[in-house]
Amino acid sequence: MNIADQIYSADSANQDRAQAIRDNLRDAIVDRRLAPGTKLSEGEVGMLFDVSRTVARAALQMLSFEGLVRTERNRGAFVANPSPEEARQVFASRRLIEPGIAIAACERITTTDIAIFSAQLDDEGRFMAERGPNARRSEIKASGDFHLLLASVAGNAILQRFMEELVARSSLVIALYGRSGVSSCGHNEHLRILDALEHKNPGLASELMLHHIDHIEADLDLRVRAGPALKEALNF
C-alpha cells in the first residue's frame, strides 16, 4: 500500500469511528439519556471512545449539523437546549410534513408493512407495561420509531431524513418540556393511525396524525429537567 492509500485508509477509518460515535451520542440524546444542556467535551468524548480529539470533534460536528448539538465559542459543545419558540417550530414543521407522509404511506402500505407496524406497536405496548428507566427509554424510542417507520413506508428518502431530524429534536423538546414521565406519543393513537392505513383511508390517517401531533405538543410545559452527566448517560 502506497502513502496515498495509507492516508485514505486512515481517513476512512477515522470517518467510520466518528460516525459510530455520532450514532452512539445521537441515540443517547434521542432516548433522553443525555439531557439538553449537557456539556460534550471533545476530550471526554475522545477518552470514553478511545479516539483522538479530532475524531471526537468530527462526531460532534455531525450532530451540530443535525441541530442536536450546539457549539459555543470558547465554551465547547452542548446537547442542544431548544427554546419554547424552537419547540413550537419543531411541531409546526411536523404538522406540515407528517399528514402528507401519512397520506403517501396509505397509498404504498403493504400487508408486510402492516405486520412490521403491528410488531413494532406490540413492542411499544410491552415497554409501556414495564417499569424502570430502561423500559421507559425503550418505550420512548419505540414511539419515535413508529413515525420513522411511517416515513420509510411513504417512500420519500428526503422526507425520511427530515423526519429523523424532527423526531430527534422532538425528543429534546419533550425532555425539556414534557409533563409526563414517559413518552408523550400516545400508543392508542398509533394504533388508530395504523388502522386507517390498513383500511387505505388517507383522509382519516392525515386527520389522526394532526390530532396526534397536537396531543404531543399539548403535553408540554416550560419546566426544565436535569439529566445525568455524559459518562453516566453512555453507561461508561
Protein backbone atom coordinates (compact mmCIF):
# COMPACT_ATOMS: atom_id res chain seq x y z
CA MET A 1 0.00 0.00 0.00
CA ASN A 2 1.46 3.35 -1.04
CA ILE A 3 1.40 6.51 1.08
CA ALA A 4 -1.71 7.90 -0.61
CA ASP A 5 -3.60 4.67 0.03
CA GLN A 6 -2.46 4.65 3.65
CA ILE A 7 -3.70 8.22 4.15
CA TYR A 8 -7.03 7.38 2.52
CA SER A 9 -7.39 4.26 4.65
CA ALA A 10 -6.66 6.22 7.83
CA ASP A 11 -9.10 8.96 6.88
CA SER A 12 -11.78 6.39 6.10
CA ALA A 13 -11.23 4.63 9.43
CA ASN A 14 -11.44 7.92 11.32
CA GLN A 15 -14.64 8.81 9.50
CA ASP A 16 -16.13 5.44 10.43
CA ARG A 17 -15.15 5.99 14.08
CA ALA A 18 -16.65 9.48 14.06
CA GLN A 19 -19.88 8.12 12.56
CA ALA A 20 -20.06 5.39 15.21
CA ILE A 21 -19.59 7.97 17.99
CA ARG A 22 -22.22 10.21 16.39
CA ASP A 23 -24.66 7.30 16.31
CA ASN A 24 -23.97 6.45 19.96
CA LEU A 25 -24.39 10.04 21.13
CA ARG A 26 -27.44 10.57 18.94
CA ASP A 27 -29.12 7.51 20.44
CA ALA A 28 -28.38 8.82 23.93
CA ILE A 29 -29.91 12.20 23.02
CA VAL A 30 -32.97 10.73 21.31
CA ASP A 31 -33.52 8.25 24.18
CA ARG A 32 -33.26 11.20 26.60
CA ARG A 33 -30.29 9.68 28.44
CA LEU A 34 -28.39 12.86 27.61
CA ALA A 35 -30.34 15.89 28.78
CA PRO A 36 -30.46 19.20 26.91
CA GLY A 37 -27.61 21.43 28.01
CA THR A 38 -25.22 18.55 28.84
CA LYS A 39 -21.64 19.53 28.02
CA LEU A 40 -19.96 17.31 25.44
CA SER A 41 -16.25 17.84 25.91
CA GLU A 42 -14.09 16.73 22.98
CA GLY A 43 -11.57 15.43 25.49
CA GLU A 44 -14.10 13.40 27.46
CA VAL A 45 -15.79 12.05 24.32
CA GLY A 46 -12.38 11.09 22.94
CA MET A 47 -11.40 9.39 26.19
CA LEU A 48 -14.67 7.47 26.53
CA PHE A 49 -14.48 6.15 22.98
CA ASP A 50 -10.68 5.85 22.88
CA VAL A 51 -10.25 8.16 19.89
CA SER A 52 -8.40 11.39 19.21
CA ARG A 53 -9.94 14.80 19.87
CA THR A 54 -10.04 15.28 16.09
CA VAL A 55 -12.31 12.25 15.66
CA ALA A 56 -14.44 13.33 18.62
CA ARG A 57 -14.74 16.83 17.14
CA ALA A 58 -15.90 15.39 13.81
CA ALA A 59 -18.62 13.38 15.57
CA LEU A 60 -19.83 16.47 17.43
CA GLN A 61 -19.85 18.48 14.21
CA MET A 62 -22.15 15.86 12.62
CA LEU A 63 -24.57 16.29 15.49
CA SER A 64 -24.28 20.06 15.23
CA PHE A 65 -25.32 19.91 11.56
CA GLU A 66 -28.43 17.97 12.63
CA GLY A 67 -29.32 20.56 15.25
CA LEU A 68 -28.84 18.14 18.14
CA VAL A 69 -25.69 19.79 19.46
CA ARG A 70 -24.79 23.46 19.68
CA THR A 71 -21.26 24.79 19.81
CA GLU A 72 -20.26 27.95 21.65
CA ARG A 73 -17.03 29.79 21.04
CA ASN A 74 -14.51 29.26 23.87
CA ARG A 75 -17.01 27.05 25.72
CA GLY A 76 -17.35 23.90 23.63
CA ALA A 77 -20.24 21.70 22.59
CA PHE A 78 -23.51 21.06 24.41
CA VAL A 79 -26.62 18.99 23.80
CA ALA A 80 -29.00 21.47 22.17
CA ASN A 81 -31.32 23.26 24.55
CA PRO A 82 -34.31 24.32 22.41
CA SER A 83 -36.24 27.41 23.44
CA PRO A 84 -40.06 27.38 23.67
CA GLU A 85 -40.20 29.10 20.29
CA GLU A 86 -37.92 26.46 18.74
CA ALA A 87 -40.16 23.80 20.29
CA ARG A 88 -43.19 25.35 18.61
CA GLN A 89 -41.34 25.42 15.30
CA VAL A 90 -40.47 21.73 15.59
CA PHE A 91 -44.12 20.79 15.98
CA ALA A 92 -45.24 23.28 13.35
CA SER A 93 -42.84 21.53 10.97
CA ARG A 94 -44.25 18.15 11.91
CA ARG A 95 -47.79 19.38 11.23
CA LEU A 96 -46.73 20.43 7.74
CA ILE A 97 -44.89 17.19 6.94
CA GLU A 98 -46.42 14.23 8.75
CA PRO A 99 -50.03 14.39 7.49
CA GLY A 100 -48.61 14.23 3.96
CA ILE A 101 -46.40 11.31 4.97
CA ALA A 102 -49.47 9.51 6.32
CA ILE A 103 -51.30 10.06 3.01
CA ALA A 104 -48.33 8.79 1.00
CA ALA A 105 -47.94 5.78 3.30
CA CYS A 106 -51.64 4.94 2.79
CA GLU A 107 -51.03 4.64 -0.92
CA ARG A 108 -47.96 2.42 -0.59
CA ILE A 109 -48.51 0.31 2.52
CA THR A 110 -48.46 -3.47 2.06
CA THR A 111 -49.52 -6.39 4.22
CA THR A 112 -45.86 -6.92 5.06
CA ASP A 113 -45.59 -3.29 6.22
CA ILE A 114 -48.68 -3.71 8.38
CA ALA A 115 -47.16 -6.77 10.03
CA ILE A 116 -43.98 -4.81 10.75
CA PHE A 117 -46.01 -1.93 12.21
CA SER A 118 -48.01 -4.36 14.36
CA ALA A 119 -44.85 -5.96 15.74
CA GLN A 120 -43.39 -2.51 16.45
CA LEU A 121 -46.53 -1.45 18.29
CA ASP A 122 -46.53 -4.71 20.27
CA ASP A 123 -43.02 -3.80 21.44
CA GLU A 124 -44.16 -0.28 22.27
CA GLY A 125 -47.07 -1.60 24.32
CA ARG A 126 -44.84 -4.05 26.17
CA PHE A 127 -42.38 -1.33 27.09
CA MET A 128 -45.24 0.81 28.40
CA ALA A 129 -46.30 -2.04 30.70
CA GLU A 130 -42.82 -2.50 32.12
CA ARG A 131 -41.23 -0.44 34.87
CA GLY A 132 -37.85 1.20 35.33
CA PRO A 133 -35.71 3.71 33.40
CA ASN A 134 -34.51 1.23 30.79
CA ALA A 135 -38.05 0.22 29.86
CA ARG A 136 -39.08 3.87 29.74
CA ARG A 137 -36.23 4.74 27.39
CA SER A 138 -37.14 1.78 25.19
CA GLU A 139 -40.76 2.90 25.05
CA ILE A 140 -39.72 6.44 24.14
CA LYS A 141 -37.53 5.14 21.35
CA ALA A 142 -40.28 2.81 20.11
CA SER A 143 -42.69 5.73 19.93
CA GLY A 144 -40.29 7.69 17.75
CA ASP A 145 -39.63 4.61 15.64
CA PHE A 146 -43.33 4.48 14.70
CA HIS A 147 -43.03 7.86 12.99
CA LEU A 148 -39.77 6.92 11.29
CA LEU A 149 -41.27 3.66 10.04
CA LEU A 150 -44.20 5.60 8.62
CA ALA A 151 -41.79 7.90 6.77
CA SER A 152 -39.97 4.86 5.42
CA VAL A 153 -43.20 3.33 4.09
CA ALA A 154 -44.07 6.67 2.42
CA GLY A 155 -41.09 6.06 0.15
CA ASN A 156 -39.54 9.54 0.10
CA ALA A 157 -35.91 9.36 1.22
CA ILE A 158 -35.59 13.14 1.64
CA LEU A 159 -38.66 13.36 3.86
CA GLN A 160 -37.39 10.36 5.80
CA ARG A 161 -34.16 12.24 6.61
CA PHE A 162 -36.18 15.29 7.65
CA MET A 163 -38.23 13.08 9.95
CA GLU A 164 -35.13 11.59 11.54
CA GLU A 165 -34.05 15.10 12.50
CA LEU A 166 -37.53 16.18 13.61
CA VAL A 167 -38.05 13.09 15.77
CA ALA A 168 -34.65 13.63 17.37
CA ARG A 169 -35.39 17.31 18.01
CA SER A 170 -38.81 16.38 19.37
CA SER A 171 -37.11 14.12 21.89
CA LEU A 172 -35.08 17.09 23.08
CA VAL A 173 -38.18 19.22 23.36
CA ILE A 174 -40.06 16.52 25.29
CA ALA A 175 -37.05 16.05 27.56
CA LEU A 176 -37.21 19.75 28.44
CA TYR A 177 -40.91 20.49 28.45
CA GLY A 178 -42.82 17.21 28.67
CA ARG A 179 -45.22 16.98 31.60
CA SER A 180 -45.41 13.19 31.69
CA GLY A 181 -42.62 10.92 32.88
CA VAL A 182 -42.95 8.69 29.84
CA SER A 183 -43.30 9.28 26.13
CA SER A 184 -45.98 11.79 25.15
CA CYS A 185 -46.52 9.94 21.87
CA GLY A 186 -49.78 8.03 22.55
CA HIS A 187 -49.74 4.31 21.88
CA ASN A 188 -53.51 4.20 21.28
CA GLU A 189 -53.24 6.99 18.73
CA HIS A 190 -50.58 4.99 16.89
CA LEU A 191 -52.99 2.04 16.78
CA ARG A 192 -55.75 4.21 15.29
CA ILE A 193 -53.38 5.64 12.67
CA LEU A 194 -52.30 2.12 11.70
CA ASP A 195 -55.96 1.07 11.39
CA ALA A 196 -56.59 3.99 8.99
CA LEU A 197 -53.53 2.98 6.98
CA GLU A 198 -54.66 -0.64 6.84
CA HIS A 199 -58.09 0.42 5.57
CA LYS A 200 -56.50 2.70 2.95
CA ASN A 201 -58.18 5.81 4.34
CA PRO A 202 -55.70 8.64 3.66
CA GLY A 203 -58.02 11.42 4.83
CA LEU A 204 -58.56 9.79 8.21
CA ALA A 205 -54.87 8.88 8.55
CA SER A 206 -53.91 12.50 7.89
CA GLU A 207 -56.54 13.82 10.32
CA LEU A 208 -55.46 11.38 13.06
CA MET A 209 -51.83 12.35 12.56
CA LEU A 210 -52.62 16.04 13.02
CA HIS A 211 -54.58 15.26 16.18
CA HIS A 212 -51.72 13.11 17.40
CA ILE A 213 -49.13 15.86 16.92
CA ASP A 214 -51.45 18.33 18.66
CA HIS A 215 -51.68 15.90 21.58
CA ILE A 216 -47.91 15.58 21.84
CA GLU A 217 -47.44 19.35 21.89
CA ALA A 218 -50.28 19.81 24.39
CA ASP A 219 -48.28 17.75 26.89
CA LEU A 220 -45.50 20.36 27.04
CA ASP A 221 -44.75 22.91 29.75
CA LEU A 222 -41.72 25.10 30.47
CA ARG A 223 -40.09 23.22 33.33
CA VAL A 224 -36.52 22.11 32.62
CA ARG A 225 -35.44 18.70 33.87
CA ALA A 226 -31.88 17.85 34.78
CA GLY A 227 -30.24 14.71 33.45
CA PRO A 228 -27.15 12.57 34.06
CA ALA A 229 -23.64 13.54 33.03
CA LEU A 230 -22.13 12.30 29.77
CA LYS A 231 -20.28 9.34 31.31
CA GLU A 232 -23.32 8.02 33.19
CA ALA A 233 -25.69 8.58 30.26
CA LEU A 234 -23.49 6.45 28.00
CA ASN A 235 -23.09 3.76 30.69
CA PHE A 236 -19.31 4.00 30.82
